[in-house]
Amino acid sequence: MAISPDAGKQASKEILVDVTRLEREYYERRPDLTDITQLVSFGTSGHRGSPLHGSFTEAHILAITQAICDYRQGQGINGPLYMGKDTHALSGPAQRTALEVLAANGITTIIQKDDGVTPTPVISRAILVYNRERKEQLADGIVITPSHNPPEDGGFKYNPPHGGPADVDVTKWVEQRANELLRQGNIGVKRLPFASAIKATTTHQDDFVMPYVEDLRNVVDMDAIRAAGLKLAVDPLGGAAEPYWEPINAVYQLDITVVNPTIDPAFSFMTVDHDGKIRMDPSSPYAMARLLDLKDQYRIAFANDPDADRHGVVVPSTGLMNPNHYLAVAIRYLLTHRKWSDKVVVGKTLVSSSMIDRVVNKLGYQLCETPVGFKWFVPGLLNGSLCFAGEESAGASFLRKDGTVWTTDKDGLIMDLLAAEITARTSKDPGEHYQELQSEFGTLHYTRIDAPATPEQKVKLAKLSPEAVTAPELAGDLIRMKLTRAPGNNASIGGLKVVTDNGWFAARPSGTENIYKIYAESFKSEDHLNAIVNEAQQIVSDAVSTAL
């Protein structure tokens, strides 16, 4: 993967998005319904696009919101709808559009007061708290965010009453209904003027901040963090977590410095990512360059993406932690420091590091390995059987101290605070803990790369059967398993995973680009990892070319 010469440097004026033009295009552009890329399409986490490409416009949001209203009616969901947004330029306009439709449909909608922003996990928690002990009039939610993606993008996610990302059956129904409405010119969309919608008796402006902040004591040991007197830093990367950190400081009397309180829809303060684009990815050392410069000034420094469902942890011992490394440390700590049932299970996606497998097995717990997508973890988190759920892309959540559900969506804030708890309780930062894991289990070498693929190749890759892989070996080792379904729940992985005694690779097509992603890990060396990656591309190419 080529690294841009600008990677890690301050974004130049030339690449900043014109926010005024972006908003104008959102309202004025009409999607070309003969172009499949301009239709509503729910990926692993909602619909995402940009007005600049005709894929995220007012027309899309009108259709999607009405489709959600229709879905709610069909399912008998008649409680309040909690709606949050992040700090992307399009999130405000999209929330206003959505509110016009929700009010016209008579749906009780709760938004953050004073036009405020709200992280994804806060909406998930609010839904679950409201629905606790309820059997009817259940709440659900919408979060308007394209996650860590560039400033010109918009995103729209629906969370049903279970509080987590909607499953495929839900998103498929909403997607089809929304596209039907689009093709009919949105004549089936009910809508009020915004001035009426914001004043409607069904629209409520409440505070999401303090209920979430006050409840943190039930999932993280805030007393231990305070008692240790840790000097901490956070960079919200211009996102929706920013209004939460000072209240957290005040309530728990912590010493967290918000080193970048700037909210700017162009995200002009960012250092650019590996490809020269602005991307608020807290797992990228290039996007995190500013916080990395401060690593020796604080005991722990952390960050979140704009909707705060991802985390990034910077420690003096190792710098920015690889998300896989931190997940393994967090799991070991929680399994040895929480008084949860000994029957709980740990969830991980099948592209996450095998270090997690080794930690979980050593401690005598069961592992549940699922396809990519946090939606697979929702049922287990909801009923408390899954104590921790994590993805290699720096997203995770875990149970409350009493073993009940906290969120069924990813929560970057509790993962940040857990890093502080680990340090406070053990006097070692998470980086030092990972060094211990390496001493015990060996050094694992992990990477993720993108490889080109045509749309036709992507379709074939997503539907491969294990028999399509004919190679007997991978990087000199006998192939032990060829997987197209996840071991934890037998769900299709939408790709392929190949496993040997000394490593593995997985390949999945991208939902938005003409590439496929290769994840690989070697239990031996960097050279062996490179051999796995090189042979993986040939194995995938051969399998796809012979697939029907």
Protein backbone atom coordinates (compact mmCIF):
# COMPACT_ATOMS: atom_id res chain seq x y z
CA MET A 1 0.00 0.00 0.00
CA ALA A 2 1.58 3.26 -1.16
CA ILE A 3 1.92 5.93 1.52
CA SER A 4 1.22 9.52 0.49
CA PRO A 5 4.09 11.97 1.05
CA ASP A 6 1.55 14.11 2.93
CA ALA A 7 0.56 11.34 5.37
CA GLY A 8 0.76 12.57 8.95
CA LYS A 9 1.00 16.23 7.88
CA GLN A 10 -1.57 18.98 8.47
CA ALA A 11 -4.28 19.00 5.83
CA SER A 12 -3.56 21.61 3.15
CA LYS A 13 -6.17 24.18 2.14
CA GLU A 14 -6.31 22.61 -1.31
CA ILE A 15 -7.89 19.40 -0.04
CA LEU A 16 -10.41 20.95 2.36
CA VAL A 17 -14.04 20.43 1.45
CA ASP A 18 -16.15 23.47 0.61
CA VAL A 19 -18.80 23.10 3.31
CA THR A 20 -21.14 25.67 1.75
CA ARG A 21 -21.07 23.87 -1.59
CA LEU A 22 -21.53 20.53 0.15
CA GLU A 23 -24.72 21.71 1.87
CA ARG A 24 -26.01 23.27 -1.34
CA GLU A 25 -25.45 20.02 -3.23
CA TYR A 26 -27.21 18.10 -0.44
CA TYR A 27 -30.39 20.11 -0.93
CA GLU A 28 -30.26 20.70 -4.69
CA ARG A 29 -28.78 17.57 -6.27
CA ARG A 30 -31.13 14.87 -7.48
CA PRO A 31 -29.78 11.31 -7.55
CA ASP A 32 -29.54 9.54 -10.90
CA LEU A 33 -31.71 6.50 -10.24
CA THR A 34 -30.25 4.66 -13.25
CA ASP A 35 -26.88 4.67 -11.48
CA ILE A 36 -26.76 1.91 -8.86
CA THR A 37 -24.18 3.84 -6.83
CA GLN A 38 -26.72 6.64 -6.30
CA LEU A 39 -29.44 4.41 -4.84
CA VAL A 40 -29.92 3.80 -1.10
CA SER A 41 -27.53 1.06 -0.02
CA PHE A 42 -27.09 -0.16 3.55
CA GLY A 43 -23.63 -1.62 4.15
CA THR A 44 -22.38 -3.10 7.42
CA SER A 45 -23.44 0.07 9.22
CA GLY A 46 -26.08 2.11 7.43
CA HIS A 47 -26.25 4.17 4.24
CA ARG A 48 -23.20 6.27 3.39
CA GLY A 49 -22.36 8.59 0.52
CA SER A 50 -21.73 12.17 -0.57
CA PRO A 51 -23.78 14.81 -2.40
CA LEU A 52 -20.72 15.32 -4.58
CA HIS A 53 -21.37 11.84 -6.01
CA GLY A 54 -25.17 11.99 -5.85
CA SER A 55 -25.27 9.32 -3.15
CA PHE A 56 -26.22 11.31 -0.02
CA THR A 57 -28.82 14.00 -0.68
CA GLU A 58 -31.99 15.34 0.88
CA ALA A 59 -33.93 12.99 -1.39
CA HIS A 60 -32.12 9.98 0.12
CA ILE A 61 -32.78 11.05 3.70
CA LEU A 62 -36.46 11.77 3.03
CA ALA A 63 -36.86 8.29 1.55
CA ILE A 64 -34.86 6.45 4.21
CA THR A 65 -36.62 8.18 7.10
CA GLN A 66 -40.05 7.46 5.65
CA ALA A 67 -39.00 3.86 5.10
CA ILE A 68 -37.99 3.64 8.77
CA CYS A 69 -41.38 5.10 9.76
CA ASP A 70 -43.09 2.48 7.60
CA TYR A 71 -40.94 -0.27 9.10
CA ARG A 72 -41.79 0.86 12.63
CA GLN A 73 -45.48 0.81 11.84
CA GLY A 74 -45.27 -2.65 10.33
CA GLN A 75 -43.39 -3.99 13.35
CA GLY A 76 -45.57 -2.28 15.95
CA ILE A 77 -42.66 -0.17 17.26
CA ASN A 78 -44.44 2.80 18.81
CA GLY A 79 -42.17 4.10 21.56
CA PRO A 80 -39.89 7.15 21.26
CA LEU A 81 -37.15 7.37 18.66
CA TYR A 82 -33.79 8.66 19.93
CA MET A 83 -31.90 10.54 17.22
CA GLY A 84 -28.26 11.56 17.37
CA LYS A 85 -25.82 13.15 14.95
CA ASP A 86 -22.08 13.67 14.76
CA THR A 87 -20.08 16.71 13.62
CA HIS A 88 -19.79 16.01 9.89
CA ALA A 89 -21.07 18.91 7.79
CA LEU A 90 -23.99 16.90 6.41
CA SER A 91 -25.16 15.50 9.73
CA GLY A 92 -27.00 18.68 10.75
CA PRO A 93 -28.92 19.08 7.48
CA ALA A 94 -29.75 15.35 7.45
CA GLN A 95 -31.07 15.51 11.02
CA ARG A 96 -33.31 18.44 10.11
CA THR A 97 -34.64 16.55 7.07
CA ALA A 98 -35.26 13.43 9.13
CA LEU A 99 -37.07 15.39 11.83
CA GLU A 100 -39.42 16.88 9.23
CA VAL A 101 -40.45 13.34 8.22
CA LEU A 102 -40.59 11.90 11.75
CA ALA A 103 -42.81 14.76 12.97
CA ALA A 104 -45.12 14.43 9.98
CA ASN A 105 -45.51 10.74 10.81
CA GLY A 106 -46.38 11.55 14.41
CA ILE A 107 -43.33 9.78 15.86
CA THR A 108 -42.12 10.93 19.27
CA THR A 109 -38.50 11.94 18.60
CA ILE A 110 -35.89 12.86 21.20
CA ILE A 111 -32.82 14.87 20.17
CA GLN A 112 -30.00 16.54 22.08
CA LYS A 113 -31.06 20.01 23.20
CA ASP A 114 -29.57 23.17 21.71
CA ASP A 115 -28.83 21.45 18.39
CA GLY A 116 -26.13 19.38 20.10
CA VAL A 117 -24.26 16.33 18.87
CA THR A 118 -24.56 12.81 20.25
CA PRO A 119 -22.20 9.80 19.98
CA THR A 120 -23.44 6.46 18.65
CA PRO A 121 -23.00 4.61 21.99
CA VAL A 122 -25.02 7.25 23.83
CA ILE A 123 -28.00 6.56 21.57
CA SER A 124 -27.59 2.80 22.03
CA ARG A 125 -27.49 3.14 25.81
CA ALA A 126 -30.50 5.49 25.83
CA ILE A 127 -32.59 2.98 23.86
CA LEU A 128 -31.63 0.13 26.20
CA VAL A 129 -32.27 2.11 29.38
CA TYR A 130 -35.70 3.15 28.13
CA ASN A 131 -36.60 -0.39 27.04
CA ARG A 132 -35.40 -2.04 30.25
CA GLU A 133 -38.29 -4.02 31.80
CA ARG A 134 -40.60 -2.93 28.96
CA LYS A 135 -42.48 -5.34 26.71
CA GLU A 136 -44.37 -2.78 24.63
CA GLN A 137 -44.05 0.80 23.34
CA LEU A 138 -40.36 0.13 22.78
CA ALA A 139 -37.87 2.79 21.72
CA ASP A 140 -35.45 2.67 18.80
CA GLY A 141 -33.02 5.14 17.25
CA ILE A 142 -31.26 6.83 14.36
CA VAL A 143 -27.64 7.99 14.32
CA ILE A 144 -26.54 10.33 11.54
CA THR A 145 -22.85 9.72 10.94
CA PRO A 146 -20.43 8.36 8.34
CA SER A 147 -18.15 7.29 11.23
CA HIS A 148 -14.45 8.08 10.67
CA ASN A 149 -14.86 8.75 6.95
CA PRO A 150 -13.89 11.97 5.11
CA PRO A 151 -15.60 15.35 5.73
CA GLU A 152 -17.55 15.28 2.45
CA ASP A 153 -19.36 12.08 3.47
CA GLY A 154 -22.70 11.63 5.19
CA GLY A 155 -24.09 8.56 6.90
CA PHE A 156 -27.44 7.37 8.26
CA LYS A 157 -27.86 4.40 10.63
CA TYR A 158 -30.93 2.77 12.15
CA ASN A 159 -30.84 1.02 15.53
CA PRO A 160 -33.93 -1.11 16.31
CA PRO A 161 -35.21 -1.65 19.90
CA HIS A 162 -32.27 -3.92 20.71
CA GLY A 163 -30.12 -0.77 20.57
CA GLY A 164 -27.49 -2.08 18.16
CA PRO A 165 -26.93 -1.93 14.40
CA ALA A 166 -29.90 -3.21 12.42
CA ASP A 167 -29.58 -6.75 11.07
CA VAL A 168 -29.64 -7.59 7.37
CA ASP A 169 -33.36 -8.41 7.27
CA VAL A 170 -34.16 -4.93 8.62
CA THR A 171 -31.71 -2.98 6.47
CA LYS A 172 -32.77 -4.87 3.35
CA TRP A 173 -36.42 -3.98 3.97
CA VAL A 174 -35.62 -0.31 4.66
CA GLU A 175 -33.29 -0.13 1.67
CA GLN A 176 -35.87 -1.59 -0.72
CA ARG A 177 -38.68 0.61 0.60
CA ALA A 178 -36.49 3.74 0.41
CA ASN A 179 -35.51 3.03 -3.19
CA GLU A 180 -39.16 2.41 -4.05
CA LEU A 181 -40.00 5.84 -2.61
CA LEU A 182 -37.12 7.44 -4.52
CA ARG A 183 -38.29 5.95 -7.80
CA GLN A 184 -41.76 7.38 -7.13
CA GLY A 185 -40.29 10.85 -6.68
CA ASN A 186 -40.81 10.64 -2.89
CA ILE A 187 -44.53 11.34 -3.31
CA GLY A 188 -45.13 8.78 -0.53
CA VAL A 189 -43.05 10.77 1.97
CA LYS A 190 -44.89 12.65 4.72
CA ARG A 191 -43.17 15.90 5.64
CA LEU A 192 -43.60 19.07 7.69
CA PRO A 193 -41.61 22.31 7.37
CA PHE A 194 -38.70 22.28 9.81
CA ALA A 195 -40.09 25.25 11.76
CA SER A 196 -43.20 23.17 12.48
CA ALA A 197 -41.32 19.91 13.06
CA ILE A 198 -38.99 21.33 15.71
CA LYS A 199 -41.98 22.77 17.61
CA ALA A 200 -44.20 19.72 17.22
CA THR A 201 -45.58 18.14 20.39
CA THR A 202 -43.83 14.92 19.36
CA THR A 203 -40.37 16.55 19.23
CA HIS A 204 -38.48 16.64 22.53
CA GLN A 205 -35.11 18.28 23.16
CA ASP A 206 -33.45 16.60 26.13
CA ASP A 207 -29.96 16.22 27.55
CA PHE A 208 -28.21 12.97 26.63
CA VAL A 209 -24.89 14.00 28.18
CA MET A 210 -25.36 13.80 31.93
CA PRO A 211 -27.38 10.54 32.07
CA TYR A 212 -24.61 8.83 30.11
CA VAL A 213 -21.81 10.44 32.13
CA GLU A 214 -23.41 9.60 35.49
CA ASP A 215 -23.93 5.98 34.40
CA LEU A 216 -20.26 5.46 33.45
CA ARG A 217 -19.47 4.49 37.06
CA ASN A 218 -21.45 1.29 36.47
CA VAL A 219 -19.26 0.08 33.61
CA VAL A 220 -15.78 1.51 34.36
CA ASP A 221 -14.00 1.86 37.72
CA MET A 222 -13.94 5.66 37.76
CA ASP A 223 -12.96 5.73 41.46
CA ALA A 224 -9.76 3.83 40.69
CA ILE A 225 -8.85 6.28 37.92
CA ARG A 226 -9.41 9.24 40.24
CA ALA A 227 -7.49 7.66 43.13
CA ALA A 228 -4.48 6.98 40.90
CA GLY A 229 -4.29 10.65 39.91
CA LEU A 230 -3.47 9.79 36.32
CA LYS A 231 -2.58 12.63 33.99
CA LEU A 232 -4.67 11.88 30.90
CA ALA A 233 -5.29 13.49 27.52
CA VAL A 234 -7.99 13.13 24.89
CA ASP A 235 -8.34 14.30 21.31
CA PRO A 236 -11.98 13.91 20.21
CA LEU A 237 -10.78 14.48 16.61
CA GLY A 238 -13.45 17.13 16.25
CA GLY A 239 -16.21 14.65 16.99
CA ALA A 240 -19.37 14.16 19.04
CA ALA A 241 -17.45 13.00 22.12
CA GLU A 242 -16.02 16.51 22.67
CA PRO A 243 -18.95 17.80 24.83
CA TYR A 244 -18.67 14.74 27.09
CA TRP A 245 -15.12 14.97 28.40
CA GLU A 246 -15.40 18.06 30.60
CA PRO A 247 -18.55 16.71 32.32
CA ILE A 248 -16.67 13.42 32.85
CA ASN A 249 -13.84 15.42 34.45
CA ALA A 250 -16.27 17.35 36.64
CA VAL A 251 -18.38 14.41 37.83
CA TYR A 252 -15.47 12.08 38.58
CA GLN A 253 -12.81 14.70 39.42
CA LEU A 254 -10.36 13.35 36.85
CA ASP A 255 -7.38 15.00 35.21
CA ILE A 256 -8.22 14.66 31.52
CA THR A 257 -6.94 17.44 29.25
CA VAL A 258 -8.90 17.94 26.03
CA VAL A 259 -5.91 18.75 23.85
CA ASN A 260 -8.03 19.62 20.81
CA PRO A 261 -11.51 21.01 21.55
CA THR A 262 -12.01 22.28 17.98
CA ILE A 263 -15.23 21.46 16.15
CA ASP A 264 -14.86 22.20 12.46
CA PRO A 265 -16.99 20.48 9.77
CA ALA A 266 -14.09 20.73 7.32
CA PHE A 267 -11.82 18.98 9.89
CA SER A 268 -9.04 21.34 8.77
CA PHE A 269 -7.02 20.63 11.93
CA MET A 270 -6.51 16.96 10.97
CA THR A 271 -3.26 15.40 9.87
CA VAL A 272 -4.03 13.41 6.74
CA ASP A 273 -4.24 9.62 6.54
CA HIS A 274 -2.01 7.15 4.70
CA ASP A 275 -3.53 8.00 1.30
CA GLY A 276 -3.43 11.76 1.70
CA LYS A 277 -7.14 12.04 2.57
CA ILE A 278 -8.67 13.53 5.69
CA ARG A 279 -10.03 10.65 7.71
CA MET A 280 -10.74 10.81 11.45
CA ASP A 281 -9.51 7.30 12.17
CA PRO A 282 -8.15 6.92 15.73
CA SER A 283 -6.39 3.67 14.78
CA SER A 284 -4.28 5.39 12.10
CA PRO A 285 -0.85 6.69 13.21
CA TYR A 286 -1.09 9.32 10.46
CA ALA A 287 -4.45 10.67 11.59
CA MET A 288 -3.20 10.48 15.19
CA ALA A 289 0.13 12.21 14.53
CA ARG A 290 -0.61 15.16 16.83
CA LEU A 291 -1.60 12.99 19.77
CA LEU A 292 1.42 10.75 19.18
CA ASP A 293 3.64 13.82 19.57
CA LEU A 294 2.24 14.18 23.11
CA LYS A 295 2.69 10.54 24.19
CA ASP A 296 5.45 11.25 26.69
CA GLN A 297 3.54 14.11 28.36
CA TYR A 298 0.65 11.98 29.63
CA ARG A 299 0.23 8.61 31.34
CA ILE A 300 -2.41 7.69 28.75
CA ALA A 301 -3.76 9.64 25.77
CA PHE A 302 -6.77 8.55 23.76
CA ALA A 303 -9.05 9.59 20.90
CA ASN A 304 -12.34 8.81 19.22
CA ASP A 305 -13.76 9.11 15.72
CA PRO A 306 -16.60 11.61 15.05
CA ASP A 307 -19.42 9.40 16.34
CA ALA A 308 -17.21 8.00 19.14
CA ASP A 309 -17.80 4.33 18.39
CA ARG A 310 -14.06 3.78 17.77
CA HIS A 311 -11.11 4.27 20.09
CA GLY A 312 -7.41 4.97 19.82
CA VAL A 313 -5.02 4.52 22.75
CA VAL A 314 -1.58 6.15 22.95
CA VAL A 315 0.84 5.05 25.67
CA PRO A 316 4.43 6.06 26.46
CA SER A 317 5.63 2.44 26.26
CA THR A 318 4.61 1.71 22.66
CA GLY A 319 2.95 4.80 21.15
CA LEU A 320 -0.36 4.22 19.33
CA MET A 321 -1.53 0.73 20.16
CA ASN A 322 -2.57 -1.55 17.35
CA PRO A 323 -6.33 -2.13 17.93
CA ASN A 324 -5.78 -5.89 17.99
CA HIS A 325 -3.19 -5.52 20.74
CA TYR A 326 -5.44 -3.37 22.88
CA LEU A 327 -8.40 -5.71 22.43
CA ALA A 328 -6.32 -8.62 23.71
CA VAL A 329 -5.16 -6.59 26.74
CA ALA A 330 -8.68 -5.36 27.51
CA ILE A 331 -10.09 -8.88 27.34
CA ARG A 332 -7.44 -10.34 29.67
CA TYR A 333 -7.94 -7.51 32.16
CA LEU A 334 -11.73 -7.71 32.20
CA LEU A 335 -11.81 -11.50 32.51
CA THR A 336 -9.52 -11.30 35.54
CA HIS A 337 -10.94 -8.17 37.20
CA ARG A 338 -14.72 -8.34 36.71
CA LYS A 339 -17.01 -10.57 38.78
CA TRP A 340 -18.94 -11.82 35.79
CA SER A 341 -20.33 -15.34 35.38
CA ASP A 342 -17.70 -17.91 34.45
CA LYS A 343 -20.04 -18.93 31.62
CA VAL A 344 -19.69 -15.65 29.68
CA VAL A 345 -18.31 -15.75 26.14
CA VAL A 346 -15.88 -13.37 24.38
CA GLY A 347 -16.85 -12.19 20.89
CA LYS A 348 -14.44 -11.24 18.13
CA THR A 349 -14.65 -10.88 14.36
CA LEU A 350 -12.80 -13.55 12.39
CA VAL A 351 -10.36 -10.95 11.02
CA SER A 352 -9.15 -10.01 14.52
CA SER A 353 -5.83 -11.24 15.89
CA SER A 354 -5.32 -14.80 17.13
CA MET A 355 -3.70 -13.30 20.23
CA ILE A 356 -7.28 -12.92 21.45
CA ASP A 357 -7.85 -16.66 20.96
CA ARG A 358 -4.77 -17.46 23.01
CA VAL A 359 -5.73 -15.14 25.86
CA VAL A 360 -9.29 -16.43 26.04
CA ASN A 361 -8.26 -20.09 25.85
CA LYS A 362 -5.61 -19.66 28.55
CA LEU A 363 -8.20 -18.19 30.92
CA GLY A 364 -10.64 -21.02 30.22
CA TYR A 365 -13.38 -19.03 28.50
CA GLN A 366 -15.23 -19.69 25.26
CA LEU A 367 -14.65 -17.61 22.12
CA CYS A 368 -17.33 -16.71 19.57
CA GLU A 369 -15.85 -15.81 16.17
CA THR A 370 -18.28 -13.96 13.88
CA PRO A 371 -18.26 -12.29 10.45
CA VAL A 372 -17.26 -8.64 10.22
CA GLY A 373 -19.99 -6.33 11.54
CA PHE A 374 -20.94 -5.42 15.11
CA LYS A 375 -24.54 -6.50 14.47
CA TRP A 376 -23.47 -10.12 15.05
CA PHE A 377 -22.68 -9.35 18.69
CA VAL A 378 -26.01 -7.70 19.53
CA PRO A 379 -27.97 -10.73 20.86
CA GLY A 380 -25.14 -11.86 23.16
CA LEU A 381 -24.47 -8.40 24.57
CA LEU A 382 -28.20 -7.85 25.06
CA ASN A 383 -28.73 -10.98 27.16
CA GLY A 384 -25.38 -10.75 28.97
CA SER A 385 -23.98 -14.02 27.59
CA LEU A 386 -21.32 -12.11 25.62
CA CYS A 387 -19.16 -10.17 28.07
CA PHE A 388 -16.99 -8.42 25.48
CA ALA A 389 -17.28 -7.85 21.75
CA GLY A 390 -14.49 -6.40 19.62
CA GLU A 391 -13.48 -5.69 16.03
CA GLU A 392 -9.98 -5.25 14.62
CA SER A 393 -11.06 -1.82 13.35
CA ALA A 394 -10.97 -0.39 16.90
CA GLY A 395 -14.58 -0.91 17.88
CA ALA A 396 -15.69 -2.70 21.04
CA SER A 397 -18.08 -2.75 23.98
CA PHE A 398 -18.44 -4.76 27.17
CA LEU A 399 -20.91 -5.46 29.96
CA ARG A 400 -21.64 -3.39 33.04
CA LYS A 401 -19.92 -4.43 36.26
CA ASP A 402 -23.04 -6.37 37.27
CA GLY A 403 -22.95 -8.41 34.07
CA THR A 404 -25.88 -6.70 32.32
CA VAL A 405 -25.85 -4.92 28.99
CA TRP A 406 -24.23 -1.46 28.65
CA THR A 407 -24.52 -0.88 24.90
CA THR A 408 -25.17 -3.11 21.93
CA ASP A 409 -23.18 -0.78 19.69
CA LYS A 410 -19.49 0.07 19.85
CA ASP A 411 -18.45 2.49 22.60
CA GLY A 412 -15.14 4.28 22.13
CA LEU A 413 -15.46 6.30 25.33
CA ILE A 414 -15.57 3.29 27.67
CA MET A 415 -12.66 1.71 25.80
CA ASP A 416 -10.67 4.93 26.36
CA LEU A 417 -11.56 5.00 30.04
CA LEU A 418 -10.84 1.28 30.41
CA ALA A 419 -7.24 1.98 29.34
CA ALA A 420 -7.03 4.42 32.25
CA GLU A 421 -8.63 1.90 34.64
CA ILE A 422 -6.14 -0.80 33.59
CA THR A 423 -3.26 1.58 34.25
CA ALA A 424 -4.71 2.75 37.56
CA ARG A 425 -5.39 -0.76 38.88
CA THR A 426 -2.19 -2.46 37.68
CA SER A 427 0.36 0.41 37.54
CA LYS A 428 1.17 -0.71 33.97
CA ASP A 429 -0.22 0.83 30.81
CA PRO A 430 -1.90 -1.33 28.13
CA GLY A 431 1.26 -1.29 26.01
CA GLU A 432 3.24 -2.84 28.85
CA HIS A 433 0.51 -5.44 29.29
CA TYR A 434 0.76 -6.38 25.61
CA GLN A 435 4.50 -6.84 25.98
CA GLU A 436 3.67 -9.38 28.70
CA LEU A 437 1.33 -11.17 26.33
CA GLN A 438 4.05 -11.34 23.69
CA SER A 439 6.45 -12.83 26.23
CA GLU A 440 3.87 -15.48 27.11
CA PHE A 441 2.34 -16.28 23.73
CA GLY A 442 4.93 -15.09 21.20
CA THR A 443 5.01 -12.20 18.75
CA LEU A 444 2.23 -12.23 16.17
CA HIS A 445 2.60 -10.28 12.92
CA TYR A 446 -0.61 -8.79 11.52
CA THR A 447 -1.54 -6.63 8.53
CA ARG A 448 -4.46 -5.48 6.44
CA ILE A 449 -4.09 -4.40 2.82
CA ASP A 450 -6.35 -3.51 -0.10
CA ALA A 451 -6.15 -5.29 -3.46
CA PRO A 452 -7.91 -4.28 -6.69
CA ALA A 453 -11.05 -6.15 -7.76
CA THR A 454 -13.70 -5.64 -10.43
CA PRO A 455 -17.38 -5.56 -9.40
CA GLU A 456 -17.77 -9.03 -10.92
CA GLN A 457 -14.81 -10.39 -8.95
CA LYS A 458 -16.22 -8.89 -5.74
CA VAL A 459 -19.55 -10.65 -6.27
CA LYS A 460 -17.80 -13.98 -6.84
CA LEU A 461 -15.56 -13.52 -3.79
CA ALA A 462 -18.56 -12.85 -1.57
CA LYS A 463 -20.17 -16.12 -2.70
CA LEU A 464 -17.15 -18.45 -2.72
CA SER A 465 -17.42 -22.01 -1.47
CA PRO A 466 -14.53 -23.67 0.40
CA GLU A 467 -14.12 -26.06 -2.54
CA ALA A 468 -13.09 -23.14 -4.76
CA VAL A 469 -9.75 -23.09 -2.92
CA THR A 470 -7.60 -25.82 -4.46
CA ALA A 471 -4.16 -24.83 -3.14
CA PRO A 472 -2.90 -27.41 -0.59
CA GLU A 473 -0.48 -25.03 1.17
CA LEU A 474 -0.13 -21.41 2.28
CA ALA A 475 3.37 -19.95 2.76
CA GLY A 476 4.89 -23.41 3.13
CA ASP A 477 2.31 -24.74 5.60
CA LEU A 478 -0.50 -27.23 5.06
CA ILE A 479 -3.90 -25.54 4.87
CA ARG A 480 -5.98 -26.78 7.82
CA MET A 481 -9.22 -24.87 7.28
CA LYS A 482 -10.99 -23.11 4.42
CA LEU A 483 -13.85 -21.09 5.84
CA THR A 484 -16.68 -19.21 4.16
CA ARG A 485 -18.90 -19.32 7.26
CA ALA A 486 -17.97 -18.03 10.72
CA PRO A 487 -17.20 -20.69 13.37
CA GLY A 488 -19.09 -18.79 16.08
CA ASN A 489 -22.51 -18.56 14.45
CA ASN A 490 -22.25 -20.30 11.05
CA ALA A 491 -23.14 -17.04 9.30
CA SER A 492 -21.68 -16.33 5.88
CA ILE A 493 -18.52 -14.25 6.10
CA GLY A 494 -19.07 -12.80 2.63
CA GLY A 495 -15.58 -13.90 1.65
CA LEU A 496 -12.94 -16.43 2.59
CA LYS A 497 -10.63 -17.34 5.48
CA VAL A 498 -7.74 -19.78 5.10
CA VAL A 499 -5.95 -21.13 8.19
CA THR A 500 -2.68 -23.02 8.77
CA ASP A 501 -0.80 -23.95 11.92
CA ASN A 502 1.39 -20.87 11.56
CA GLY A 503 -0.93 -18.19 10.26
CA TRP A 504 -4.04 -17.26 8.33
CA PHE A 505 -5.55 -14.82 5.88
CA ALA A 506 -9.07 -13.59 5.21
CA ALA A 507 -10.37 -11.82 2.11
CA ARG A 508 -13.56 -9.74 1.88
CA PRO A 509 -14.86 -7.47 -0.90
CA SER A 510 -15.32 -3.78 -0.11
CA GLY A 511 -18.91 -2.57 -0.14
CA THR A 512 -18.07 0.84 -1.61
CA GLU A 513 -14.83 0.57 -3.64
CA ASN A 514 -13.47 -1.71 -6.37
CA ILE A 515 -11.11 -3.45 -3.98
CA TYR A 516 -11.09 -6.38 -1.63
CA LYS A 517 -9.50 -6.37 1.79
CA ILE A 518 -6.90 -8.90 2.83
CA TYR A 519 -6.34 -9.48 6.54
CA ALA A 520 -3.41 -11.69 7.44
CA GLU A 521 -1.46 -12.85 10.45
CA SER A 522 1.74 -14.86 10.87
CA PHE A 523 2.74 -16.61 14.06
CA LYS A 524 6.37 -16.74 12.84
CA SER A 525 7.84 -13.57 11.26
CA GLU A 526 7.33 -10.52 9.06
CA ASP A 527 8.82 -12.41 6.10
CA HIS A 528 6.34 -15.22 6.65
CA LEU A 529 3.52 -12.65 6.85
CA ASN A 530 4.60 -11.18 3.51
CA ALA A 531 4.58 -14.66 2.00
CA ILE A 532 1.05 -15.23 3.31
CA VAL A 533 -0.16 -11.94 1.81
CA ASN A 534 1.47 -12.60 -1.57
CA GLU A 535 0.10 -16.13 -1.83
CA ALA A 536 -3.30 -15.02 -0.53
CA GLN A 537 -3.78 -12.79 -3.55
CA GLN A 538 -2.98 -15.67 -5.89
CA ILE A 539 -5.27 -18.06 -4.02
CA VAL A 540 -8.12 -15.54 -4.15
CA SER A 541 -7.50 -14.83 -7.84
CA ASP A 542 -7.51 -18.54 -8.70
CA ALA A 543 -10.61 -19.24 -6.61
CA VAL A 544 -12.56 -16.33 -8.10
CA SER A 545 -11.57 -17.20 -11.68
CA THR A 546 -12.83 -20.77 -11.30
CA ALA A 547 -15.98 -19.85 -9.38
CA LEU A 548 -19.28 -20.04 -11.27
